[in-house]
Amino acid sequence: MSTQAMSDAKIPVALTHASSEKLSRHEMLRWINTTVQGEYTKIEDLCSGVAYCQIMEMLFPNSVGMKKIKVNAKLEHEFLHNLKLFQMAFTRINYEKSVPIERLIKGRFQDNFEFLQWFKKFYDVHAAGKENVKLPTTQKQQINLKTKTTKKVLNRVGSDMTPPTANSTQLNADESGSPRSLKYLQETRDKLAEQTAAILNERNFYYKKLLDVENVSRRVAGACIGYIIC
C-alpha cells in the first residue's frame, strides 16, 4: 500500500446532520449498486459485509484481500467473517474506527442504514482526488462468473419446463372471461341450485315425518289420559 493511501486514511470522518447528504434509502442503494456493480434491493442485505469489503478494497488496494471475501455469504457466521475483514482493513490503513459488527450482522434496517450513511461520507472523503477508484479486475471476474452461472440456471429451468398443452391453454383462455368460461359457471350454478333444492326437499320430508310422529304421540297421550279418567 502506498504512503499516500496511508496518509489519506487518517482524515477524520464525523457524520452529523450538517455533514450528511441525507440520501434516502433508495439513493443509498443506487450508490452501492453502481459502485460495486451489485444487485442489492434492501439496506438490510448489506449486513453480509461484502459491499463494504469491496469498496474498501477499491479505496485502499490490498487492505482486505479479495480472495478472502465470502462473496456469496448467506449465513450469520459468513457475515461475521466478512465484517471482521472489513474491520481489519481499518487497522491496516491506520484508521481508528470501530465497526459495530454485532449489530450489523443482525440485519436490522436502522443499524445498517446509519452505518452506511457514515461509510458513504468516508468514501466521499477518501475517494476525492483519487484516480481509478473502481472495482478490481478480479472482483469483476467473480461478478461476471456469478451472473453467467445465474443465467445458465435460469435457462436450464426454462428449458425443463413443460410446454403448455391445448387443455391448459384453453383453461387459461376460459379463465379470462370467454363464453366457454361463462357457460361452465352457469352449469356449476345450476348444479348447485339442484343440490340445494334436493337438500331442502329432504329436510321438509323429515320435518313432516317429525310432525306426524309428534301428532301420533299427542293422540296416544290423550287416549291414555281418557282411559285413566274413565
Protein backbone atom coordinates (compact mmCIF):
# COMPACT_ATOMS: atom_id res chain seq x y z
CA MET A 1 0.00 0.00 0.00
CA SER A 2 1.37 3.43 -0.89
CA THR A 3 2.34 6.09 1.64
CA GLN A 4 -0.19 8.45 0.07
CA ALA A 5 -3.00 5.99 0.72
CA MET A 6 -1.91 5.65 4.34
CA SER A 7 -1.91 9.40 4.93
CA ASP A 8 -5.29 9.83 3.23
CA ALA A 9 -6.76 7.24 5.58
CA LYS A 10 -6.05 9.46 8.55
CA ILE A 11 -8.59 12.08 7.52
CA PRO A 12 -11.29 12.01 10.24
CA VAL A 13 -14.89 11.48 9.21
CA ALA A 14 -17.70 12.54 11.50
CA LEU A 15 -21.28 12.05 10.40
CA THR A 16 -23.53 14.83 11.61
CA HIS A 17 -26.80 16.28 10.38
CA ALA A 18 -24.82 19.08 8.81
CA SER A 19 -22.27 16.87 7.06
CA SER A 20 -24.68 14.14 5.96
CA GLU A 21 -26.07 14.34 2.45
CA LYS A 22 -29.32 12.94 3.84
CA LEU A 23 -29.68 10.49 0.98
CA SER A 24 -32.74 8.28 1.01
CA ARG A 25 -32.51 4.51 1.27
CA HIS A 26 -33.18 4.23 -2.47
CA GLU A 27 -30.40 6.68 -3.30
CA MET A 28 -28.04 4.82 -1.00
CA LEU A 29 -28.85 1.50 -2.65
CA ARG A 30 -28.37 3.08 -6.06
CA TRP A 31 -24.94 4.30 -4.99
CA ILE A 32 -23.94 0.91 -3.60
CA ASN A 33 -25.13 -0.99 -6.67
CA THR A 34 -23.46 1.43 -9.05
CA THR A 35 -20.19 1.37 -7.12
CA VAL A 36 -19.84 -2.40 -6.74
CA GLN A 37 -21.98 -3.47 -9.70
CA GLY A 38 -24.30 -5.19 -7.26
CA GLU A 39 -27.98 -6.03 -7.13
CA TYR A 40 -28.90 -5.10 -3.56
CA THR A 41 -32.63 -4.49 -3.05
CA LYS A 42 -32.66 -3.76 0.69
CA ILE A 43 -30.39 -1.86 3.05
CA GLU A 44 -30.59 -4.86 5.38
CA ASP A 45 -28.77 -7.01 2.79
CA LEU A 46 -25.59 -5.03 3.42
CA CYS A 47 -25.21 -6.95 6.68
CA SER A 48 -23.25 -9.53 4.66
CA GLY A 49 -20.31 -7.11 4.65
CA VAL A 50 -19.48 -7.93 1.02
CA ALA A 51 -20.12 -4.43 -0.35
CA TYR A 52 -18.14 -2.78 2.45
CA CYS A 53 -15.15 -5.03 1.77
CA GLN A 54 -15.37 -4.39 -1.95
CA ILE A 55 -15.46 -0.62 -1.57
CA MET A 56 -12.65 -0.63 1.00
CA GLU A 57 -10.53 -2.62 -1.44
CA MET A 58 -11.35 -0.07 -4.13
CA LEU A 59 -10.22 2.82 -1.94
CA PHE A 60 -7.21 1.06 -0.41
CA PRO A 61 -5.99 -1.85 -2.57
CA ASN A 62 -4.87 -4.94 -0.64
CA SER A 63 -6.39 -3.67 2.60
CA VAL A 64 -8.91 -6.52 2.59
CA GLY A 65 -7.77 -9.19 0.17
CA MET A 66 -10.35 -10.04 -2.47
CA LYS A 67 -9.86 -13.80 -2.25
CA LYS A 68 -10.74 -13.79 1.44
CA ILE A 69 -14.22 -12.29 0.95
CA LYS A 70 -17.15 -14.69 1.04
CA VAL A 71 -19.00 -13.05 -1.86
CA ASN A 72 -21.96 -15.42 -1.61
CA ALA A 73 -22.41 -15.02 2.14
CA LYS A 74 -25.87 -16.13 3.29
CA LEU A 75 -25.38 -17.10 6.93
CA GLU A 76 -24.56 -15.04 10.00
CA HIS A 77 -21.15 -16.61 10.56
CA GLU A 78 -20.24 -15.70 6.97
CA PHE A 79 -21.37 -12.12 7.59
CA LEU A 80 -19.15 -12.11 10.67
CA HIS A 81 -16.19 -13.30 8.62
CA ASN A 82 -16.58 -10.50 6.05
CA LEU A 83 -17.15 -7.76 8.60
CA LYS A 84 -14.06 -8.83 10.53
CA LEU A 85 -12.08 -8.49 7.30
CA PHE A 86 -13.60 -5.05 6.90
CA GLN A 87 -12.64 -4.10 10.48
CA MET A 88 -9.10 -5.36 9.92
CA ALA A 89 -8.84 -3.14 6.84
CA PHE A 90 -9.21 -0.04 9.03
CA THR A 91 -6.37 -1.32 11.18
CA ARG A 92 -4.16 -1.85 8.13
CA ILE A 93 -4.69 1.71 6.93
CA ASN A 94 -4.08 3.09 10.44
CA TYR A 95 -7.59 4.46 10.75
CA GLU A 96 -9.33 4.31 14.10
CA LYS A 97 -12.84 3.07 13.50
CA SER A 98 -14.85 0.51 15.42
CA VAL A 99 -17.28 -1.31 13.15
CA PRO A 100 -20.50 -2.29 15.01
CA ILE A 101 -20.24 -5.86 13.77
CA GLU A 102 -22.58 -7.44 16.32
CA ARG A 103 -25.37 -5.03 15.37
CA LEU A 104 -24.79 -5.12 11.61
CA ILE A 105 -24.93 -8.91 11.27
CA LYS A 106 -28.44 -8.93 12.78
CA GLY A 107 -29.71 -7.38 9.56
CA ARG A 108 -31.78 -4.63 11.14
CA PHE A 109 -32.53 -1.69 8.86
CA GLN A 110 -31.73 1.17 11.24
CA ASP A 111 -28.32 -0.17 12.30
CA ASN A 112 -27.23 -0.87 8.73
CA PHE A 113 -28.61 2.40 7.38
CA GLU A 114 -26.85 4.52 9.99
CA PHE A 115 -23.54 2.81 9.35
CA LEU A 116 -24.00 3.09 5.59
CA GLN A 117 -24.51 6.84 5.95
CA TRP A 118 -21.20 7.11 7.78
CA PHE A 119 -19.42 4.89 5.27
CA LYS A 120 -20.76 6.94 2.34
CA LYS A 121 -19.19 10.02 3.92
CA PHE A 122 -15.97 8.07 4.49
CA TYR A 123 -15.98 7.08 0.82
CA ASP A 124 -16.58 10.62 -0.40
CA VAL A 125 -13.71 11.95 1.71
CA HIS A 126 -11.15 9.33 0.71
CA ALA A 127 -12.18 8.87 -2.91
CA ALA A 128 -11.82 12.60 -3.58
CA GLY A 129 -8.74 13.31 -5.64
CA LYS A 130 -8.03 9.65 -6.29
CA GLU A 131 -7.93 8.35 -9.82
CA ASN A 132 -9.03 4.90 -10.97
CA VAL A 133 -11.22 4.25 -7.94
CA LYS A 134 -13.04 1.29 -9.43
CA LEU A 135 -13.84 -2.32 -8.87
CA PRO A 136 -10.73 -4.55 -9.04
CA THR A 137 -10.46 -6.76 -12.13
CA THR A 138 -10.58 -9.96 -10.07
CA GLN A 139 -13.82 -8.81 -8.49
CA LYS A 140 -15.35 -8.05 -11.89
CA GLN A 141 -14.48 -11.55 -13.00
CA GLN A 142 -16.21 -13.01 -9.93
CA ILE A 143 -19.34 -10.93 -10.55
CA ASN A 144 -19.42 -11.85 -14.24
CA LEU A 145 -18.98 -15.53 -13.38
CA LYS A 146 -21.82 -15.34 -10.86
CA THR A 147 -24.07 -13.60 -13.42
CA LYS A 148 -23.31 -16.20 -16.09
CA THR A 149 -23.99 -19.03 -13.65
CA THR A 150 -27.33 -17.49 -12.70
CA LYS A 151 -28.30 -17.12 -16.36
CA LYS A 152 -27.38 -20.74 -17.06
CA VAL A 153 -29.55 -21.93 -14.18
CA LEU A 154 -32.48 -19.82 -15.37
CA ASN A 155 -32.08 -21.08 -18.94
CA ARG A 156 -31.92 -24.68 -17.76
CA VAL A 157 -35.02 -24.26 -15.64
CA GLY A 158 -36.81 -22.64 -18.55
CA SER A 159 -35.88 -25.46 -20.93
CA ASP A 160 -37.06 -28.10 -18.46
CA MET A 161 -40.50 -26.57 -18.18
CA THR A 162 -43.26 -28.48 -19.97
CA PRO A 163 -44.74 -26.52 -22.87
CA PRO A 164 -48.41 -25.58 -22.38
CA THR A 165 -50.86 -28.14 -23.69
CA ALA A 166 -54.04 -27.44 -25.60
CA ASN A 167 -56.11 -28.10 -22.48
CA SER A 168 -54.05 -25.77 -20.30
CA THR A 169 -54.17 -23.08 -22.97
CA GLN A 170 -57.94 -23.49 -23.24
CA LEU A 171 -58.23 -23.30 -19.47
CA ASN A 172 -56.26 -20.05 -19.36
CA ALA A 173 -58.42 -18.63 -22.11
CA ASP A 174 -61.58 -19.71 -20.32
CA GLU A 175 -60.46 -18.09 -17.08
CA SER A 176 -60.11 -14.77 -18.82
CA GLY A 177 -63.89 -14.45 -19.22
CA SER A 178 -64.63 -16.19 -22.52
CA PRO A 179 -68.15 -17.52 -23.36
CA ARG A 180 -66.92 -21.05 -22.60
CA SER A 181 -65.95 -19.99 -19.11
CA LEU A 182 -69.31 -18.30 -18.56
CA LYS A 183 -71.11 -21.43 -19.71
CA TYR A 184 -69.13 -23.50 -17.23
CA LEU A 185 -70.03 -21.11 -14.42
CA GLN A 186 -73.71 -21.23 -15.36
CA GLU A 187 -73.66 -25.04 -15.38
CA THR A 188 -72.00 -25.04 -11.98
CA ARG A 189 -74.61 -22.63 -10.65
CA ASP A 190 -77.45 -24.83 -11.97
CA LYS A 191 -75.93 -27.92 -10.36
CA LEU A 192 -75.61 -26.13 -7.04
CA ALA A 193 -79.22 -24.96 -7.31
CA GLU A 194 -80.39 -28.55 -7.94
CA GLN A 195 -78.38 -29.85 -4.97
CA THR A 196 -79.80 -27.10 -2.77
CA ALA A 197 -83.36 -27.94 -3.85
CA ALA A 198 -82.78 -31.63 -3.14
CA ILE A 199 -81.45 -30.86 0.34
CA LEU A 200 -84.44 -28.61 1.08
CA ASN A 201 -86.89 -31.31 -0.09
CA GLU A 202 -85.18 -33.88 2.09
CA ARG A 203 -85.29 -31.51 5.05
CA ASN A 204 -89.02 -30.87 4.50
CA PHE A 205 -89.68 -34.61 4.22
CA TYR A 206 -88.05 -35.38 7.56
CA TYR A 207 -89.67 -32.37 9.16
CA LYS A 208 -93.09 -33.62 8.05
CA LYS A 209 -92.28 -37.06 9.44
CA LEU A 210 -91.32 -35.46 12.73
CA LEU A 211 -94.65 -33.61 12.86
CA ASP A 212 -96.53 -36.84 12.13
CA VAL A 213 -94.70 -38.60 14.96
CA GLU A 214 -95.48 -35.69 17.27
CA ASN A 215 -99.20 -35.77 16.34
CA VAL A 216 -99.38 -39.52 16.90
CA SER A 217 -97.68 -39.10 20.26
CA ARG A 218 -100.23 -36.48 21.26
CA ARG A 219 -103.19 -38.69 20.26
CA VAL A 220 -101.75 -41.65 22.12
CA ALA A 221 -101.16 -39.49 25.18
CA GLY A 222 -104.75 -38.14 25.00
CA ALA A 223 -106.18 -41.60 24.72
CA CYS A 224 -104.21 -42.80 27.75
CA ILE A 225 -105.43 -39.86 29.84
CA GLY A 226 -109.04 -40.50 28.80
CA TYR A 227 -108.72 -44.18 29.69
CA ILE A 228 -107.34 -43.35 33.13
CA ILE A 229 -110.19 -40.87 33.80
CA CYS A 230 -112.74 -43.39 32.79
